[in-house]
Amino acid sequence: LNEKGYDGSGFRRAHVELTRIVIDAMGRAGVRRLLQMSALRTGDGGQSWYLKTRAEAEALVRASSLDWTIFRPG
């Protein structure tokens, strides 16, 4: 669950920026429900960029006006 480099930029693009794009597109299209696939241990203080950016993405979903379900499979 690591990537090349040490800044988390790849995970940030994949998890945070893409989630923001999807939320915006859903609003424009009038789609109300988002099913977000996250990861086990997201939000429990994990120090990897993977878990940190997953937590940021979840926060975006929760703060949106959408109806949402977040899955955290193992």
PDB file of N, CA and C in Angstrom:
ATOM      1  N   LEU A   1       0.821  -1.202   0.000  1.00  0.00           N
ATOM      2  CA  LEU A   1       0.000   0.000   0.000  1.00  0.00           C
ATOM      3  C   LEU A   1       0.858   1.256   0.000  1.00  0.00           C
ATOM      4  N   ASN A   2       1.960   1.188  -0.693  1.00  0.00           N
ATOM      5  CA  ASN A   2       2.831   2.338  -0.830  1.00  0.00           C
ATOM      6  C   ASN A   2       2.994   2.640  -2.309  1.00  0.00           C
ATOM      7  N   GLU A   3       3.500   3.805  -2.596  1.00  0.00           N
ATOM      8  CA  GLU A   3       3.709   4.205  -3.981  1.00  0.00           C
ATOM      9  C   GLU A   3       5.108   4.778  -4.123  1.00  0.00           C
ATOM     10  N   LYS A   4       5.549   4.943  -5.348  1.00  0.00           N
ATOM     11  CA  LYS A   4       6.842   5.577  -5.580  1.00  0.00           C
ATOM     12  C   LYS A   4       6.810   6.993  -5.034  1.00  0.00           C
ATOM     13  N   GLY A   5       7.926   7.432  -4.502  1.00  0.00           N
ATOM     14  CA  GLY A   5       7.987   8.775  -3.942  1.00  0.00           C
ATOM     15  C   GLY A   5       7.491   8.770  -2.510  1.00  0.00           C
ATOM     16  N   TYR A   6       7.476   9.945  -1.924  1.00  0.00           N
ATOM     17  CA  TYR A   6       7.151  10.018  -0.500  1.00  0.00           C
ATOM     18  C   TYR A   6       6.103  11.067  -0.168  1.00  0.00           C
ATOM     19  N   ASP A   7       5.442  11.599  -1.190  1.00  0.00           N
ATOM     20  CA  ASP A   7       4.512  12.695  -0.916  1.00  0.00           C
ATOM     21  C   ASP A   7       3.040  12.301  -1.018  1.00  0.00           C
ATOM     22  N   GLY A   8       2.740  11.088  -1.427  1.00  0.00           N
ATOM     23  CA  GLY A   8       1.358  10.645  -1.512  1.00  0.00           C
ATOM     24  C   GLY A   8       0.575  11.228  -2.673  1.00  0.00           C
ATOM     25  N   SER A   9       1.246  11.857  -3.622  1.00  0.00           N
ATOM     26  CA  SER A   9       0.533  12.561  -4.690  1.00  0.00           C
ATOM     27  C   SER A   9      -0.272  11.624  -5.587  1.00  0.00           C
ATOM     28  N   GLY A  10       0.202  10.426  -5.815  1.00  0.00           N
ATOM     29  CA  GLY A  10      -0.553   9.472  -6.633  1.00  0.00           C
ATOM     30  C   GLY A  10      -1.837   9.043  -5.950  1.00  0.00           C
ATOM     31  N   PHE A  11      -1.746   8.718  -4.666  1.00  0.00           N
ATOM     32  CA  PHE A  11      -2.949   8.349  -3.917  1.00  0.00           C
ATOM     33  C   PHE A  11      -3.886   9.546  -3.783  1.00  0.00           C
ATOM     34  N   ARG A  12      -3.340  10.740  -3.627  1.00  0.00           N
ATOM     35  CA  ARG A  12      -4.184  11.933  -3.515  1.00  0.00           C
ATOM     36  C   ARG A  12      -4.993  12.136  -4.800  1.00  0.00           C
ATOM     37  N   ARG A  13      -4.344  11.955  -5.957  1.00  0.00           N
ATOM     38  CA  ARG A  13      -5.067  12.084  -7.234  1.00  0.00           C
ATOM     39  C   ARG A  13      -6.149  11.023  -7.337  1.00  0.00           C
ATOM     40  N   ALA A  14      -5.790   9.776  -7.023  1.00  0.00           N
ATOM     41  CA  ALA A  14      -6.728   8.662  -7.187  1.00  0.00           C
ATOM     42  C   ALA A  14      -7.877   8.701  -6.190  1.00  0.00           C
ATOM     43  N   HIS A  15      -7.598   9.073  -4.964  1.00  0.00           N
ATOM     44  CA  HIS A  15      -8.622   9.003  -3.922  1.00  0.00           C
ATOM     45  C   HIS A  15      -9.334  10.332  -3.701  1.00  0.00           C
ATOM     46  N   VAL A  16      -8.605  11.412  -3.564  1.00  0.00           N
ATOM     47  CA  VAL A  16      -9.201  12.700  -3.169  1.00  0.00           C
ATOM     48  C   VAL A  16      -9.695  13.484  -4.387  1.00  0.00           C
ATOM     49  N   GLU A  17      -8.804  13.709  -5.332  1.00  0.00           N
ATOM     50  CA  GLU A  17      -9.186  14.534  -6.481  1.00  0.00           C
ATOM     51  C   GLU A  17     -10.264  13.859  -7.316  1.00  0.00           C
ATOM     52  N   LEU A  18     -10.146  12.571  -7.536  1.00  0.00           N
ATOM     53  CA  LEU A  18     -11.174  11.861  -8.305  1.00  0.00           C
ATOM     54  C   LEU A  18     -12.512  11.870  -7.569  1.00  0.00           C
ATOM     55  N   THR A  19     -12.484  11.698  -6.264  1.00  0.00           N
ATOM     56  CA  THR A  19     -13.732  11.752  -5.490  1.00  0.00           C
ATOM     57  C   THR A  19     -14.384  13.118  -5.619  1.00  0.00           C
ATOM     58  N   ARG A  20     -13.591  14.170  -5.568  1.00  0.00           N
ATOM     59  CA  ARG A  20     -14.125  15.537  -5.731  1.00  0.00           C
ATOM     60  C   ARG A  20     -14.758  15.702  -7.118  1.00  0.00           C
ATOM     61  N   ILE A  21     -14.107  15.193  -8.145  1.00  0.00           N
ATOM     62  CA  ILE A  21     -14.641  15.263  -9.509  1.00  0.00           C
ATOM     63  C   ILE A  21     -15.956  14.505  -9.620  1.00  0.00           C
ATOM     64  N   VAL A  22     -16.014  13.316  -9.038  1.00  0.00           N
ATOM     65  CA  VAL A  22     -17.229  12.497  -9.080  1.00  0.00           C
ATOM     66  C   VAL A  22     -18.378  13.204  -8.353  1.00  0.00           C
ATOM     67  N   ILE A  23     -18.118  13.750  -7.189  1.00  0.00           N
ATOM     68  CA  ILE A  23     -19.161  14.458  -6.426  1.00  0.00           C
ATOM     69  C   ILE A  23     -19.696  15.640  -7.234  1.00  0.00           C
ATOM     70  N   ASP A  24     -18.813  16.411  -7.833  1.00  0.00           N
ATOM     71  CA  ASP A  24     -19.238  17.556  -8.647  1.00  0.00           C
ATOM     72  C   ASP A  24     -20.072  17.102  -9.851  1.00  0.00           C
ATOM     73  N   ALA A  25     -19.621  16.053 -10.532  1.00  0.00           N
ATOM     74  CA  ALA A  25     -20.340  15.536 -11.698  1.00  0.00           C
ATOM     75  C   ALA A  25     -21.713  15.007 -11.306  1.00  0.00           C
ATOM     76  N   MET A  26     -21.790  14.350 -10.168  1.00  0.00           N
ATOM     77  CA  MET A  26     -23.079  13.841  -9.701  1.00  0.00           C
ATOM     78  C   MET A  26     -24.048  14.983  -9.437  1.00  0.00           C
ATOM     79  N   GLY A  27     -23.551  16.066  -8.841  1.00  0.00           N
ATOM     80  CA  GLY A  27     -24.401  17.218  -8.589  1.00  0.00           C
ATOM     81  C   GLY A  27     -24.946  17.813  -9.876  1.00  0.00           C
ATOM     82  N   ARG A  28     -24.087  17.943 -10.887  1.00  0.00           N
ATOM     83  CA  ARG A  28     -24.519  18.500 -12.169  1.00  0.00           C
ATOM     84  C   ARG A  28     -25.529  17.594 -12.866  1.00  0.00           C
ATOM     85  N   ALA A  29     -25.365  16.271 -12.699  1.00  0.00           N
ATOM     86  CA  ALA A  29     -26.243  15.310 -13.371  1.00  0.00           C
ATOM     87  C   ALA A  29     -27.506  14.998 -12.572  1.00  0.00           C
ATOM     88  N   GLY A  30     -27.589  15.471 -11.341  1.00  0.00           N
ATOM     89  CA  GLY A  30     -28.759  15.204 -10.517  1.00  0.00           C
ATOM     90  C   GLY A  30     -28.779  13.814  -9.899  1.00  0.00           C
ATOM     91  N   VAL A  31     -27.635  13.165  -9.845  1.00  0.00           N
ATOM     92  CA  VAL A  31     -27.538  11.840  -9.214  1.00  0.00           C
ATOM     93  C   VAL A  31     -27.393  12.049  -7.715  1.00  0.00           C
ATOM     94  N   ARG A  32     -28.179  11.328  -6.926  1.00  0.00           N
ATOM     95  CA  ARG A  32     -28.254  11.588  -5.495  1.00  0.00           C
ATOM     96  C   ARG A  32     -27.465  10.624  -4.611  1.00  0.00           C
ATOM     97  N   ARG A  33     -27.220   9.386  -5.051  1.00  0.00           N
ATOM     98  CA  ARG A  33     -26.594   8.406  -4.161  1.00  0.00           C
ATOM     99  C   ARG A  33     -25.225   8.006  -4.673  1.00  0.00           C
ATOM    100  N   LEU A  34     -24.250   8.053  -3.757  1.00  0.00           N
ATOM    101  CA  LEU A  34     -22.884   7.640  -4.056  1.00  0.00           C
ATOM    102  C   LEU A  34     -22.526   6.437  -3.191  1.00  0.00           C
ATOM    103  N   LEU A  35     -22.031   5.400  -3.827  1.00  0.00           N
ATOM    104  CA  LEU A  35     -21.481   4.247  -3.126  1.00  0.00           C
ATOM    105  C   LEU A  35     -19.968   4.378  -3.214  1.00  0.00           C
ATOM    106  N   GLN A  36     -19.317   4.596  -2.086  1.00  0.00           N
ATOM    107  CA  GLN A  36     -17.875   4.857  -2.041  1.00  0.00           C
ATOM    108  C   GLN A  36     -17.157   3.636  -1.492  1.00  0.00           C
ATOM    109  N   MET A  37     -16.237   3.082  -2.279  1.00  0.00           N
ATOM    110  CA  MET A  37     -15.421   1.966  -1.818  1.00  0.00           C
ATOM    111  C   MET A  37     -14.174   2.547  -1.163  1.00  0.00           C
ATOM    112  N   SER A  38     -13.998   2.289   0.113  1.00  0.00           N
ATOM    113  CA  SER A  38     -12.857   2.810   0.853  1.00  0.00           C
ATOM    114  C   SER A  38     -11.953   1.638   1.227  1.00  0.00           C
ATOM    115  N   ALA A  39     -11.473   1.594   2.441  1.00  0.00           N
ATOM    116  CA  ALA A  39     -10.576   0.510   2.854  1.00  0.00           C
ATOM    117  C   ALA A  39     -10.670   0.300   4.359  1.00  0.00           C
ATOM    118  N   LEU A  40     -10.469  -0.934   4.756  1.00  0.00           N
ATOM    119  CA  LEU A  40     -10.424  -1.272   6.170  1.00  0.00           C
ATOM    120  C   LEU A  40      -9.341  -0.447   6.856  1.00  0.00           C
ATOM    121  N   ARG A  41      -9.612   0.028   8.042  1.00  0.00           N
ATOM    122  CA  ARG A  41      -8.708   0.840   8.873  1.00  0.00           C
ATOM    123  C   ARG A  41      -8.631   2.301   8.450  1.00  0.00           C
ATOM    124  N   THR A  42      -9.404   2.703   7.457  1.00  0.00           N
ATOM    125  CA  THR A  42      -9.430   4.117   7.100  1.00  0.00           C
ATOM    126  C   THR A  42     -10.027   4.897   8.258  1.00  0.00           C
ATOM    127  N   GLY A  43      -9.398   5.997   8.606  1.00  0.00           N
ATOM    128  CA  GLY A  43      -9.924   6.851   9.657  1.00  0.00           C
ATOM    129  C   GLY A  43      -9.503   6.485  11.064  1.00  0.00           C
ATOM    130  N   ASP A  44      -8.692   5.436  11.208  1.00  0.00           N
ATOM    131  CA  ASP A  44      -8.268   5.082  12.568  1.00  0.00           C
ATOM    132  C   ASP A  44      -6.824   5.513  12.845  1.00  0.00           C
ATOM    133  N   GLY A  45      -6.382   6.542  12.116  1.00  0.00           N
ATOM    134  CA  GLY A  45      -5.063   7.098  12.376  1.00  0.00           C
ATOM    135  C   GLY A  45      -3.925   6.422  11.651  1.00  0.00           C
ATOM    136  N   GLY A  46      -4.238   5.617  10.639  1.00  0.00           N
ATOM    137  CA  GLY A  46      -3.181   4.971   9.868  1.00  0.00           C
ATOM    138  C   GLY A  46      -2.239   6.003   9.275  1.00  0.00           C
ATOM    139  N   GLN A  47      -0.957   5.688   9.262  1.00  0.00           N
ATOM    140  CA  GLN A  47       0.041   6.656   8.838  1.00  0.00           C
ATOM    141  C   GLN A  47       0.435   6.544   7.364  1.00  0.00           C
ATOM    142  N   SER A  48      -0.065   5.551   6.646  1.00  0.00           N
ATOM    143  CA  SER A  48       0.295   5.435   5.235  1.00  0.00           C
ATOM    144  C   SER A  48      -0.467   6.478   4.419  1.00  0.00           C
ATOM    145  N   TRP A  49       0.119   6.891   3.306  1.00  0.00           N
ATOM    146  CA  TRP A  49      -0.569   7.833   2.421  1.00  0.00           C
ATOM    147  C   TRP A  49      -1.863   7.217   1.904  1.00  0.00           C
ATOM    148  N   TYR A  50      -1.841   5.928   1.692  1.00  0.00           N
ATOM    149  CA  TYR A  50      -3.047   5.237   1.222  1.00  0.00           C
ATOM    150  C   TYR A  50      -4.208   5.482   2.182  1.00  0.00           C
ATOM    151  N   LEU A  51      -4.001   5.223   3.456  1.00  0.00           N
ATOM    152  CA  LEU A  51      -5.080   5.390   4.439  1.00  0.00           C
ATOM    153  C   LEU A  51      -5.408   6.857   4.678  1.00  0.00           C
ATOM    154  N   LYS A  52      -4.410   7.728   4.684  1.00  0.00           N
ATOM    155  CA  LYS A  52      -4.673   9.159   4.875  1.00  0.00           C
ATOM    156  C   LYS A  52      -5.540   9.720   3.753  1.00  0.00           C
ATOM    157  N   THR A  53      -5.214   9.366   2.508  1.00  0.00           N
ATOM    158  CA  THR A  53      -6.000   9.911   1.394  1.00  0.00           C
ATOM    159  C   THR A  53      -7.362   9.254   1.287  1.00  0.00           C
ATOM    160  N   ARG A  54      -7.468   8.010   1.687  1.00  0.00           N
ATOM    161  CA  ARG A  54      -8.795   7.379   1.754  1.00  0.00           C
ATOM    162  C   ARG A  54      -9.667   8.114   2.771  1.00  0.00           C
ATOM    163  N   ALA A  55      -9.091   8.481   3.899  1.00  0.00           N
ATOM    164  CA  ALA A  55      -9.831   9.220   4.930  1.00  0.00           C
ATOM    165  C   ALA A  55     -10.259  10.593   4.401  1.00  0.00           C
ATOM    166  N   GLU A  56      -9.388  11.263   3.655  1.00  0.00           N
ATOM    167  CA  GLU A  56      -9.753  12.559   3.066  1.00  0.00           C
ATOM    168  C   GLU A  56     -10.919  12.396   2.096  1.00  0.00           C
ATOM    169  N   ALA A  57     -10.875  11.349   1.293  1.00  0.00           N
ATOM    170  CA  ALA A  57     -11.962  11.097   0.345  1.00  0.00           C
ATOM    171  C   ALA A  57     -13.274  10.833   1.087  1.00  0.00           C
ATOM    172  N   GLU A  58     -13.223  10.047   2.139  1.00  0.00           N
ATOM    173  CA  GLU A  58     -14.429   9.795   2.931  1.00  0.00           C
ATOM    174  C   GLU A  58     -14.979  11.096   3.503  1.00  0.00           C
ATOM    175  N   ALA A  59     -14.109  11.973   3.970  1.00  0.00           N
ATOM    176  CA  ALA A  59     -14.555  13.255   4.519  1.00  0.00           C
ATOM    177  C   ALA A  59     -15.264  14.087   3.453  1.00  0.00           C
ATOM    178  N   LEU A  60     -14.763  14.070   2.225  1.00  0.00           N
ATOM    179  CA  LEU A  60     -15.435  14.787   1.136  1.00  0.00           C
ATOM    180  C   LEU A  60     -16.834  14.233   0.898  1.00  0.00           C
ATOM    181  N   VAL A  61     -16.947  12.916   0.895  1.00  0.00           N
ATOM    182  CA  VAL A  61     -18.252  12.280   0.681  1.00  0.00           C
ATOM    183  C   VAL A  61     -19.217  12.656   1.802  1.00  0.00           C
ATOM    184  N   ARG A  62     -18.762  12.556   3.034  1.00  0.00           N
ATOM    185  CA  ARG A  62     -19.621  12.874   4.180  1.00  0.00           C
ATOM    186  C   ARG A  62     -20.059  14.337   4.188  1.00  0.00           C
ATOM    187  N   ALA A  63     -19.185  15.235   3.718  1.00  0.00           N
ATOM    188  CA  ALA A  63     -19.494  16.664   3.708  1.00  0.00           C
ATOM    189  C   ALA A  63     -20.363  17.068   2.519  1.00  0.00           C
ATOM    190  N   SER A  64     -20.527  16.184   1.564  1.00  0.00           N
ATOM    191  CA  SER A  64     -21.319  16.512   0.380  1.00  0.00           C
ATOM    192  C   SER A  64     -22.810  16.497   0.732  1.00  0.00           C
ATOM    193  N   SER A  65     -23.611  16.979  -0.187  1.00  0.00           N
ATOM    194  CA  SER A  65     -25.065  16.968   0.006  1.00  0.00           C
ATOM    195  C   SER A  65     -25.691  15.676  -0.505  1.00  0.00           C
ATOM    196  N   LEU A  66     -24.863  14.731  -0.917  1.00  0.00           N
ATOM    197  CA  LEU A  66     -25.351  13.470  -1.475  1.00  0.00           C
ATOM    198  C   LEU A  66     -25.828  12.520  -0.387  1.00  0.00           C
ATOM    199  N   ASP A  67     -26.662  11.587  -0.786  1.00  0.00           N
ATOM    200  CA  ASP A  67     -26.927  10.408   0.032  1.00  0.00           C
ATOM    201  C   ASP A  67     -25.771   9.463  -0.283  1.00  0.00           C
ATOM    202  N   TRP A  68     -25.204   8.849   0.721  1.00  0.00           N
ATOM    203  CA  TRP A  68     -24.012   8.041   0.464  1.00  0.00           C
ATOM    204  C   TRP A  68     -23.948   6.817   1.356  1.00  0.00           C
ATOM    205  N   THR A  69     -23.190   5.841   0.876  1.00  0.00           N
ATOM    206  CA  THR A  69     -22.829   4.647   1.634  1.00  0.00           C
ATOM    207  C   THR A  69     -21.347   4.439   1.408  1.00  0.00           C
ATOM    208  N   ILE A  70     -20.603   4.250   2.474  1.00  0.00           N
ATOM    209  CA  ILE A  70     -19.165   3.997   2.379  1.00  0.00           C
ATOM    210  C   ILE A  70     -18.899   2.558   2.824  1.00  0.00           C
ATOM    211  N   PHE A  71     -18.237   1.814   1.969  1.00  0.00           N
ATOM    212  CA  PHE A  71     -17.848   0.439   2.272  1.00  0.00           C
ATOM    213  C   PHE A  71     -16.375   0.420   2.654  1.00  0.00           C
ATOM    214  N   ARG A  72     -16.022  -0.389   3.640  1.00  0.00           N
ATOM    215  CA  ARG A  72     -14.631  -0.549   4.061  1.00  0.00           C
ATOM    216  C   ARG A  72     -14.270  -2.036   4.086  1.00  0.00           C
ATOM    217  N   PRO A  73     -14.092  -2.640   2.916  1.00  0.00           N
ATOM    218  CA  PRO A  73     -13.770  -4.066   2.899  1.00  0.00           C
ATOM    219  C   PRO A  73     -12.348  -4.325   3.373  1.00  0.00           C
ATOM    220  N   GLY A  74     -12.123  -5.518   3.831  1.00  0.00           N
ATOM    221  CA  GLY A  74     -10.801  -5.921   4.289  1.00  0.00           C
ATOM    222  C   GLY A  74      -9.971  -6.466   3.169  1.00  0.00           C
TER     223      GLY A  74
END
